C-alpha atoms as a PDB file:
ATOM      1  CA  MET A   1      69.499 155.387 110.890  1.00  0.00           C
ATOM      2  CA  SER A   2      73.336 156.074 110.773  1.00  0.00           C
ATOM      3  CA  ALA A   3      74.879 158.689 109.458  1.00  0.00           C
ATOM      4  CA  ASP A   4      77.149 156.843 107.316  1.00  0.00           C
ATOM      5  CA  ASP A   5      74.160 154.953 106.075  1.00  0.00           C
ATOM      6  CA  PRO A   6      74.046 154.414 102.021  1.00  0.00           C
ATOM      7  CA  ARG A   7      71.275 156.142 101.221  1.00  0.00           C
ATOM      8  CA  GLN A   8      71.812 158.958 103.064  1.00  0.00           C
ATOM      9  CA  SER A   9      74.751 159.436 101.662  1.00  0.00           C
ATOM     10  CA  LEU A  10      73.525 158.677  98.011  1.00  0.00           C
ATOM     11  CA  GLN A  11      70.791 161.349  98.921  1.00  0.00           C
ATOM     12  CA  ARG A  12      73.302 164.015  99.422  1.00  0.00           C
ATOM     13  CA  LYS A  13      75.545 163.554  96.989  1.00  0.00           C
ATOM     14  CA  THR A  14      72.503 163.996  94.698  1.00  0.00           C
ATOM     15  CA  ASP A  15      71.247 167.448  96.111  1.00  0.00           C
ATOM     16  CA  GLU A  16      74.521 168.588  95.581  1.00  0.00           C
ATOM     17  CA  PHE A  17      74.709 167.720  92.251  1.00  0.00           C
ATOM     18  CA  LEU A  18      70.930 168.970  91.361  1.00  0.00           C
ATOM     19  CA  ARG A  19      71.716 172.650  92.862  1.00  0.00           C
ATOM     20  CA  ASP A  20      74.921 172.652  90.583  1.00  0.00           C
ATOM     21  CA  PHE A  21      73.149 171.480  88.082  1.00  0.00           C
ATOM     22  CA  PHE A  22      70.858 173.935  88.030  1.00  0.00           C
ATOM     23  CA  GLU A  23      72.858 176.674  88.212  1.00  0.00           C
ATOM     24  CA  LYS A  24      73.870 176.121  84.769  1.00  0.00           C
ATOM     25  CA  GLY A  25      71.278 176.671  83.096  1.00  0.00           C
ATOM     26  CA  GLU A  26      66.926 176.382  82.273  1.00  0.00           C
ATOM     27  CA  MET A  27      68.731 174.459  79.254  1.00  0.00           C
ATOM     28  CA  LEU A  28      70.132 171.315  81.246  1.00  0.00           C
ATOM     29  CA  VAL A  29      66.799 171.307  83.251  1.00  0.00           C
ATOM     30  CA  LYS A  30      64.638 170.499  80.499  1.00  0.00           C
ATOM     31  CA  GLU A  31      67.103 167.812  78.970  1.00  0.00           C
ATOM     32  CA  LEU A  32      67.548 165.890  82.931  1.00  0.00           C
ATOM     33  CA  ILE A  33      63.032 166.330  83.195  1.00  0.00           C
ATOM     34  CA  THR A  34      63.161 164.544  79.985  1.00  0.00           C
ATOM     35  CA  GLU A  35      65.432 162.153  81.052  1.00  0.00           C
ATOM     36  CA  ASN A  36      63.309 161.557  84.179  1.00  0.00           C
ATOM     37  CA  ASP A  37      60.350 161.080  81.819  1.00  0.00           C
ATOM     38  CA  ARG A  38      61.312 158.037  80.574  1.00  0.00           C
ATOM     39  CA  LEU A  39      63.034 156.636  84.091  1.00  0.00           C
ATOM     40  CA  ARG A  40      59.400 157.305  85.570  1.00  0.00           C
ATOM     41  CA  SER A  41      58.141 154.760  82.246  1.00  0.00           C
ATOM     42  CA  GLN A  42      60.398 152.385  83.261  1.00  0.00           C
ATOM     43  CA  LEU A  43      59.837 152.734  87.300  1.00  0.00           C
ATOM     44  CA  GLU A  44      55.725 151.726  86.065  1.00  0.00           C
ATOM     45  CA  THR A  45      56.756 148.946  84.893  1.00  0.00           C
ATOM     46  CA  LYS A  46      58.658 147.563  87.772  1.00  0.00           C
ATOM     47  CA  THR A  47      57.047 149.438  90.486  1.00  0.00           C
ATOM     48  CA  ASP A  48      53.999 149.415  92.340  1.00  0.00           C
ATOM     49  CA  PRO A  49      52.181 152.013  90.289  1.00  0.00           C
ATOM     50  CA  ARG A  50      50.396 153.695  93.595  1.00  0.00           C
ATOM     51  CA  GLU A  51      54.191 155.080  94.041  1.00  0.00           C
ATOM     52  CA  THR A  52      54.841 157.431  90.872  1.00  0.00           C
ATOM     53  CA  GLU A  53      51.230 157.599  89.939  1.00  0.00           C
ATOM     54  CA  ALA A  54      50.205 161.177  88.612  1.00  0.00           C
ATOM     55  CA  LYS A  55      53.673 163.039  90.192  1.00  0.00           C
ATOM     56  CA  PRO A  56      54.635 165.036  86.833  1.00  0.00           C
ATOM     57  CA  VAL A  57      58.142 165.696  87.049  1.00  0.00           C
ATOM     58  CA  THR A  58      59.341 169.337  88.711  1.00  0.00           C
ATOM     59  CA  ARG A  59      62.277 170.711  90.076  1.00  0.00           C
ATOM     60  CA  ASP A  60      60.514 170.337  93.219  1.00  0.00           C
ATOM     61  CA  ASN A  61      60.212 166.840  92.906  1.00  0.00           C
ATOM     62  CA  MET A  62      63.437 165.779  91.170  1.00  0.00           C
ATOM     63  CA  VAL A  63      64.877 164.580  93.658  1.00  0.00           C
ATOM     64  CA  ASP A  64      62.205 161.838  95.187  1.00  0.00           C
ATOM     65  CA  LEU A  65      61.658 160.836  92.348  1.00  0.00           C
ATOM     66  CA  LEU A  66      65.316 159.626  91.287  1.00  0.00           C
ATOM     67  CA  MET A  67      65.585 158.203  95.281  1.00  0.00           C
ATOM     68  CA  MET A  68      62.378 156.438  94.144  1.00  0.00           C
ATOM     69  CA  ARG A  69      64.500 155.235  91.383  1.00  0.00           C
ATOM     70  CA  ILE A  70      67.065 154.379  93.632  1.00  0.00           C
ATOM     71  CA  GLY A  71      64.928 152.515  96.012  1.00  0.00           C
ATOM     72  CA  ALA A  72      62.874 150.139  92.861  1.00  0.00           C
ATOM     73  CA  LEU A  73      66.528 149.462  91.860  1.00  0.00           C
ATOM     74  CA  GLU A  74      67.836 148.624  95.748  1.00  0.00           C
ATOM     75  CA  ARG A  75      65.156 146.580  95.756  1.00  0.00           C
ATOM     76  CA  GLU A  76      65.329 144.551  91.929  1.00  0.00           C
ATOM     77  CA  CYS A  77      68.577 143.514  93.763  1.00  0.00           C
ATOM     78  CA  ASP A  78      68.137 142.243  96.719  1.00  0.00           C
ATOM     79  CA  GLU A  79      65.394 140.010  93.991  1.00  0.00           C
ATOM     80  CA  ILE A  80      67.744 139.034  92.313  1.00  0.00           C
ATOM     81  CA  ARG A  81      70.685 138.366  95.578  1.00  0.00           C
ATOM     82  CA  ARG A  82      67.452 136.242  96.689  1.00  0.00           C
ATOM     83  CA  ILE A  83      67.329 133.994  92.919  1.00  0.00           C
ATOM     84  CA  ALA A  84      70.905 134.289  93.063  1.00  0.00           C
ATOM     85  CA  GLY A  85      71.543 132.647  96.479  1.00  0.00           C
ATOM     86  CA  ASN A  86      68.648 129.714  95.931  1.00  0.00           C
ATOM     87  CA  VAL A  87      70.205 129.092  92.594  1.00  0.00           C
ATOM     88  CA  GLU A  88      73.462 128.627  94.737  1.00  0.00           C
ATOM     89  CA  GLU A  89      71.848 126.145  97.375  1.00  0.00           C
ATOM     90  CA  GLU A  90      69.898 123.999  94.226  1.00  0.00           C
ATOM     91  CA  SER A  91      73.128 123.787  92.734  1.00  0.00           C
ATOM     92  CA  GLY A  92      75.008 122.670  96.058  1.00  0.00           C
ATOM     93  CA  GLY A  93      72.723 120.497  95.988  1.00  0.00           C
ATOM     94  CA  PHE A  94      72.852 118.883  92.602  1.00  0.00           C
ATOM     95  CA  ARG A  95      76.521 118.568  93.696  1.00  0.00           C
ATOM     96  CA  TYR A  96      76.478 116.338  96.015  1.00  0.00           C
ATOM     97  CA  ARG A  97      74.091 114.349  94.816  1.00  0.00           C
ATOM     98  CA  LEU A  98      75.808 114.445  91.458  1.00  0.00           C
ATOM     99  CA  ASP A  99      79.011 113.311  93.706  1.00  0.00           C
ATOM    100  CA  SER A 100      76.222 110.142  95.239  1.00  0.00           C
ATOM    101  CA  LEU A 101      75.703 109.120  92.024  1.00  0.00           C
ATOM    102  CA  GLU A 102      79.213 108.748  91.115  1.00  0.00           C
ATOM    103  CA  SER A 103      80.413 106.911  94.032  1.00  0.00           C
ATOM    104  CA  GLU A 104      77.584 104.461  93.918  1.00  0.00           C
ATOM    105  CA  HIS A 105      78.391 104.357  90.039  1.00  0.00           C
ATOM    106  CA  TYR A 106      81.441 103.532  91.054  1.00  0.00           C
ATOM    107  CA  HIS A 107      81.181 101.238  93.730  1.00  0.00           C
ATOM    108  CA  LEU A 108      78.938  99.423  91.378  1.00  0.00           C
ATOM    109  CA  ALA A 109      80.934  99.423  88.301  1.00  0.00           C
ATOM    110  CA  SER A 110      83.365  97.893  91.288  1.00  0.00           C
ATOM    111  CA  MET A 111      81.185  94.943  92.101  1.00  0.00           C
ATOM    112  CA  PHE A 112      80.827  94.016  88.903  1.00  0.00           C
ATOM    113  CA  VAL A 113      84.384  93.945  87.326  1.00  0.00           C
ATOM    114  CA  ALA A 114      85.199  91.489  90.860  1.00  0.00           C
ATOM    115  CA  GLY A 115      81.994  89.798  90.326  1.00  0.00           C
ATOM    116  CA  SER A 116      83.532  89.164  86.342  1.00  0.00           C
ATOM    117  CA  GLN A 117      86.712  88.350  86.921  1.00  0.00           C
ATOM    118  CA  PHE A 118      85.742  85.069  89.513  1.00  0.00           C
ATOM    119  CA  HIS A 119      83.517  84.114  87.286  1.00  0.00           C
ATOM    120  CA  ALA A 120      86.468  84.568  84.142  1.00  0.00           C
ATOM    121  CA  ALA A 121      89.279  82.770  86.295  1.00  0.00           C
ATOM    122  CA  THR A 122      89.489  78.928  85.958  1.00  0.00           C
ATOM    123  CA  SER A 123      92.934  78.498  87.957  1.00  0.00           C
ATOM    124  CA  PHE A 124      93.964  78.617  91.147  1.00  0.00           C
ATOM    125  CA  ASP A 125      96.703  81.462  89.156  1.00  0.00           C
ATOM    126  CA  GLU A 126      94.234  83.501  87.513  1.00  0.00           C
ATOM    127  CA  VAL A 127      91.817  83.191  91.258  1.00  0.00           C
ATOM    128  CA  LEU A 128      95.075  84.273  93.218  1.00  0.00           C
ATOM    129  CA  ARG A 129      95.607  87.053  91.045  1.00  0.00           C
ATOM    130  CA  THR A 130      91.758  88.135  90.971  1.00  0.00           C
ATOM    131  CA  ILE A 131      91.737  88.261  94.787  1.00  0.00           C
ATOM    132  CA  THR A 132      95.025  90.174  95.023  1.00  0.00           C
ATOM    133  CA  GLU A 133      94.081  92.674  92.153  1.00  0.00           C
ATOM    134  CA  ILE A 134      90.795  93.602  94.179  1.00  0.00           C
ATOM    135  CA  LEU A 135      92.192  93.793  97.145  1.00  0.00           C
ATOM    136  CA  LEU A 136      94.742  96.431  96.326  1.00  0.00           C
ATOM    137  CA  ASN A 137      93.117  98.396  93.630  1.00  0.00           C
ATOM    138  CA  PHE A 138      88.975  98.098  95.041  1.00  0.00           C
ATOM    139  CA  VAL A 139      89.138  97.913  98.960  1.00  0.00           C
ATOM    140  CA  GLY A 140      92.620  99.670  99.272  1.00  0.00           C
ATOM    141  CA  ALA A 141      94.692  97.241 100.843  1.00  0.00           C
ATOM    142  CA  GLY A 142      98.493  97.588 101.321  1.00  0.00           C
ATOM    143  CA  ALA A 143      99.610  94.445 102.997  1.00  0.00           C
ATOM    144  CA  PHE A 144      97.596  91.012 102.827  1.00  0.00           C
ATOM    145  CA  VAL A 145      97.972  87.674 102.755  1.00  0.00           C
ATOM    146  CA  VAL A 146      95.927  84.420 100.838  1.00  0.00           C
ATOM    147  CA  TYR A 147      95.537  81.479 103.169  1.00  0.00           C
ATOM    148  CA  LEU A 148      94.468  77.831 101.675  1.00  0.00           C
ATOM    149  CA  VAL A 149      92.841  75.293 103.660  1.00  0.00           C
ATOM    150  CA  ASP A 150      94.802  72.187 104.262  1.00  0.00           C
ATOM    151  CA  GLU A 151      91.490  70.434 105.094  1.00  0.00           C
ATOM    152  CA  GLU A 152      93.296  66.718 105.952  1.00  0.00           C
ATOM    153  CA  ARG A 153      95.764  68.785 108.183  1.00  0.00           C
ATOM    154  CA  GLN A 154      93.446  71.482 109.460  1.00  0.00           C
ATOM    155  CA  VAL A 155      95.613  74.349 109.237  1.00  0.00           C
ATOM    156  CA  LEU A 156      95.995  77.176 106.554  1.00  0.00           C
ATOM    157  CA  PHE A 157      98.840  78.171 104.471  1.00  0.00           C
ATOM    158  CA  PRO A 158      99.602  81.384 102.668  1.00  0.00           C
ATOM    159  CA  VAL A 159     100.263  81.332  99.003  1.00  0.00           C
ATOM    160  CA  ALA A 160     100.714  84.521  97.901  1.00  0.00           C
ATOM    161  CA  ARG A 161     101.373  88.210  99.767  1.00  0.00           C
ATOM    162  CA  GLU A 162     101.713  91.520  99.305  1.00  0.00           C
ATOM    163  CA  GLY A 163     103.705  93.665 101.298  1.00  0.00           C
ATOM    164  CA  GLY A 164     106.295  91.477 102.130  1.00  0.00           C
ATOM    165  CA  LEU A 165     107.965  87.659 101.492  1.00  0.00           C
ATOM    166  CA  ILE A 166     105.275  84.801 101.690  1.00  0.00           C
ATOM    167  CA  ASP A 167     107.936  82.605 103.325  1.00  0.00           C
ATOM    168  CA  ASP A 168     108.056  84.998 106.385  1.00  0.00           C
ATOM    169  CA  ILE A 169     104.422  83.926 107.090  1.00  0.00           C
ATOM    170  CA  LYS A 170     104.210  80.716 108.696  1.00  0.00           C
ATOM    171  CA  GLU A 171     100.662  78.007 109.119  1.00  0.00           C
ATOM    172  CA  ILE A 172      98.120  78.736 110.989  1.00  0.00           C
ATOM    173  CA  SER A 173      96.054  75.778 112.631  1.00  0.00           C
ATOM    174  CA  LEU A 174      92.391  75.620 113.026  1.00  0.00           C
ATOM    175  CA  ASN A 175      91.392  73.076 115.692  1.00  0.00           C
ATOM    176  CA  GLY A 176      93.386  71.595 118.138  1.00  0.00           C
ATOM    177  CA  GLU A 177      95.643  73.513 121.199  1.00  0.00           C
ATOM    178  CA  ASP A 178      97.061  75.719 118.946  1.00  0.00           C
ATOM    179  CA  ALA A 179      93.952  77.202 117.524  1.00  0.00           C
ATOM    180  CA  GLY A 180      93.034  80.536 119.333  1.00  0.00           C
ATOM    181  CA  PRO A 181      89.107  81.212 119.691  1.00  0.00           C
ATOM    182  CA  ALA A 182      89.267  83.649 115.839  1.00  0.00           C
ATOM    183  CA  GLN A 183      90.356  80.228 114.283  1.00  0.00           C
ATOM    184  CA  ALA A 184      87.383  78.642 115.937  1.00  0.00           C
ATOM    185  CA  ALA A 185      84.875  81.467 115.174  1.00  0.00           C
ATOM    186  CA  ILE A 186      86.470  81.495 111.191  1.00  0.00           C
ATOM    187  CA  VAL A 187      85.456  78.174 111.136  1.00  0.00           C
ATOM    188  CA  ALA A 188      82.101  77.971 112.789  1.00  0.00           C
ATOM    189  CA  LEU A 189      80.809  80.622 110.499  1.00  0.00           C
ATOM    190  CA  GLY A 190      79.864  78.500 107.363  1.00  0.00           C
ATOM    191  CA  ARG A 191      78.976  81.162 105.125  1.00  0.00           C
ATOM    192  CA  PRO A 192      80.436  83.846 103.416  1.00  0.00           C
ATOM    193  CA  TRP A 193      81.408  86.686 105.333  1.00  0.00           C
ATOM    194  CA  LYS A 194      79.016  89.603 104.877  1.00  0.00           C
ATOM    195  CA  SER A 195      78.458  93.018 106.600  1.00  0.00           C
ATOM    196  CA  GLY A 196      78.034  93.206 110.668  1.00  0.00           C
ATOM    197  CA  ASP A 197      80.520  90.170 110.739  1.00  0.00           C
ATOM    198  CA  PRO A 198      82.886  89.505 113.046  1.00  0.00           C
ATOM    199  CA  GLU A 199      86.675  90.739 112.390  1.00  0.00           C
ATOM    200  CA  PHE A 200      88.103  87.806 113.529  1.00  0.00           C
ATOM    201  CA  GLN A 201      91.628  89.551 114.260  1.00  0.00           C
ATOM    202  CA  MET A 202      94.312  86.974 115.730  1.00  0.00           C
ATOM    203  CA  GLY A 203      96.613  89.727 116.626  1.00  0.00           C
ATOM    204  CA  SER A 204      96.862  93.566 114.632  1.00  0.00           C
ATOM    205  CA  GLU A 205      95.689  93.162 111.120  1.00  0.00           C
ATOM    206  CA  ILE A 206      92.949  94.648 109.980  1.00  0.00           C
ATOM    207  CA  ILE A 207      90.418  91.506 108.980  1.00  0.00           C
ATOM    208  CA  ASN A 208      90.693  87.528 108.157  1.00  0.00           C
ATOM    209  CA  LEU A 209      88.043  87.108 106.188  1.00  0.00           C
ATOM    210  CA  PRO A 210      87.057  83.713 105.304  1.00  0.00           C
ATOM    211  CA  LEU A 211      86.639  82.783 101.337  1.00  0.00           C
ATOM    212  CA  VAL A 212      84.154  80.128 101.876  1.00  0.00           C
ATOM    213  CA  SER A 213      82.226  78.308  98.411  1.00  0.00           C
ATOM    214  CA  GLY A 214      78.406  77.591 100.442  1.00  0.00           C
ATOM    215  CA  SER A 215      79.875  76.134 103.725  1.00  0.00           C
ATOM    216  CA  ARG A 216      82.992  74.360 103.062  1.00  0.00           C
ATOM    217  CA  LEU A 217      85.903  77.194 104.278  1.00  0.00           C
ATOM    218  CA  VAL A 218      88.683  77.112 101.617  1.00  0.00           C
ATOM    219  CA  GLY A 219      91.161  80.248 103.027  1.00  0.00           C
ATOM    220  CA  VAL A 220      91.130  83.305 104.652  1.00  0.00           C
ATOM    221  CA  ALA A 221      92.371  86.552 103.377  1.00  0.00           C
ATOM    222  CA  ARG A 222      94.252  88.848 106.004  1.00  0.00           C
ATOM    223  CA  LEU A 223      93.920  92.141 105.440  1.00  0.00           C
ATOM    224  CA  GLU A 224      97.556  93.534 107.087  1.00  0.00           C
ATOM    225  CA  SER A 225      96.916  97.108 106.601  1.00  0.00           C
ATOM    226  CA  PHE A 226      95.946  99.735 104.391  1.00  0.00           C
ATOM    227  CA  LEU A 227      97.847 101.547 101.275  1.00  0.00           C
ATOM    228  CA  GLU A 228      99.129 105.237 102.559  1.00  0.00           C
ATOM    229  CA  GLN A 229      96.821 107.415 101.084  1.00  0.00           C
ATOM    230  CA  LYS A 230      93.734 105.155 102.718  1.00  0.00           C
ATOM    231  CA  HIS A 231      92.850 104.730 106.254  1.00  0.00           C
ATOM    232  CA  GLY A 232      90.094 102.703 106.632  1.00  0.00           C
ATOM    233  CA  PHE A 233      87.299 100.863 105.423  1.00  0.00           C
ATOM    234  CA  ALA A 234      84.911 103.263 102.967  1.00  0.00           C
ATOM    235  CA  ASP A 235      81.032 102.673 103.079  1.00  0.00           C
ATOM    236  CA  ASN A 236      81.025 100.305 100.259  1.00  0.00           C
ATOM    237  CA  ASP A 237      84.144  98.379 100.920  1.00  0.00           C
ATOM    238  CA  HIS A 238      81.886  96.041 103.509  1.00  0.00           C
ATOM    239  CA  GLN A 239      79.535  95.161 100.349  1.00  0.00           C
ATOM    240  CA  LEU A 240      83.203  94.487  98.476  1.00  0.00           C
ATOM    241  CA  LEU A 241      84.635  92.484 101.146  1.00  0.00           C
ATOM    242  CA  GLY A 242      81.487  89.725 100.931  1.00  0.00           C
ATOM    243  CA  LEU A 243      81.809  89.476  97.608  1.00  0.00           C
ATOM    244  CA  ILE A 244      85.117  88.721  97.834  1.00  0.00           C
ATOM    245  CA  SER A 245      84.424  85.974 100.422  1.00  0.00           C
ATOM    246  CA  GLU A 246      82.124  84.274  98.301  1.00  0.00           C
ATOM    247  CA  HIS A 247      83.165  84.769  94.873  1.00  0.00           C
ATOM    248  CA  ALA A 248      86.730  84.008  95.649  1.00  0.00           C
ATOM    249  CA  GLY A 249      85.793  81.015  97.685  1.00  0.00           C
ATOM    250  CA  ILE A 250      83.837  79.877  94.820  1.00  0.00           C
ATOM    251  CA  GLY A 251      86.502  80.272  92.578  1.00  0.00           C
ATOM    252  CA  VAL A 252      89.282  78.211  94.618  1.00  0.00           C
ATOM    253  CA  GLU A 253      86.590  75.417  94.779  1.00  0.00           C
ATOM    254  CA  ASN A 254      86.103  75.319  91.120  1.00  0.00           C
ATOM    255  CA  ALA A 255      89.913  75.466  90.976  1.00  0.00           C
ATOM    256  CA  TRP A 256      90.243  72.843  92.646  1.00  0.00           C
ATOM    257  CA  ILE A 257      87.762  71.078  90.951  1.00  0.00           C
ATOM    258  CA  ARG A 258      88.583  71.188  87.483  1.00  0.00           C
ATOM    259  CA  ALA A 259      91.628  69.840  88.237  1.00  0.00           C
ATOM    260  CA  HIS A 260      90.499  66.667  89.365  1.00  0.00           C
ATOM    261  CA  THR A 261      88.596  63.752  87.838  1.00  0.00           C
ATOM    262  CA  LYS A 262      87.751  63.624  91.319  1.00  0.00           C
ATOM    263  CA  ASP A 263      86.096  65.106  94.693  1.00  0.00           C
ATOM    264  CA  VAL A 264      89.195  64.978  96.868  1.00  0.00           C
ATOM    265  CA  PRO A 265      90.230  67.015  99.918  1.00  0.00           C
ATOM    266  CA  LEU A 266      92.626  69.781  99.790  1.00  0.00           C
ATOM    267  CA  GLN A 267      96.209  69.178 100.020  1.00  0.00           C
ATOM    268  CA  ARG A 268      99.040  71.770 100.159  1.00  0.00           C
ATOM    269  CA  GLN A 269     100.926  69.614  98.123  1.00  0.00           C
ATOM    270  CA  ALA A 270      98.823  69.231  95.194  1.00  0.00           C
ATOM    271  CA  ILE A 271      97.570  72.629  95.367  1.00  0.00           C
ATOM    272  CA  GLU A 272     101.658  74.267  95.464  1.00  0.00           C
ATOM    273  CA  HIS A 273     101.667  72.281  92.583  1.00  0.00           C
ATOM    274  CA  LEU A 274      99.213  73.758  90.827  1.00  0.00           C
ATOM    275  CA  VAL A 275      99.787  77.691  91.448  1.00  0.00           C
ATOM    276  CA  GLY A 276     103.434  76.735  90.217  1.00  0.00           C
ATOM    277  CA  ALA A 277     104.788  77.176  94.531  1.00  0.00           C
END
């Protein structure tokens, strides 16, 4: 045990105090003995009874009894530290679980709001506005273009853009010589996009998200960049993208059907007239 051990230092100070104390008179000694009787009774309830059994307080063993009391207090402090450590560890676990629940609650709320908005949309304007709001507020996309399909000409044409001018966006061919492998893969998908599917990149964009109703491709949402505070897709974003792929596609088809009394191919001129382009 080192010379600067706290217990040795405390014992040395206690010895010096007691020597000075006894020199002041027998009356003070009696008062100290009375006080130690009280301490001993407390020790009997908090320490091993064998430590204090049959040990009357005298001037010779007073230091030993005081050191026993100090030892008991130190053990009590150790136990309190152990309990505090366990509480802190459990508290950390509860905090992690709470954060997980809050994240899951936000994700479920986002999915519910997105699905409800698409189901409530009855026109092209409302569907496009819903796509824009979800991509901005829930996915965190800062720049994107929404295309719809001209089925007669087999091209994608832009109907909405965030982060730039829509007039700068050109049509994209879906087949023929001008169509690349990404376009062919989008057409061949034949169902809504889901997590694990390709990102159908044609350039530096993040993803070209097919908008599909059943097996009918009705559009594509091209995500070009995230908002400044976001640096990539979160764990739950892929489920939200899957919801957009399916429900936005259904919303587009329903808006088209509502605008016509019979089933006709999607046409750019007619769609632009409906959305006020």
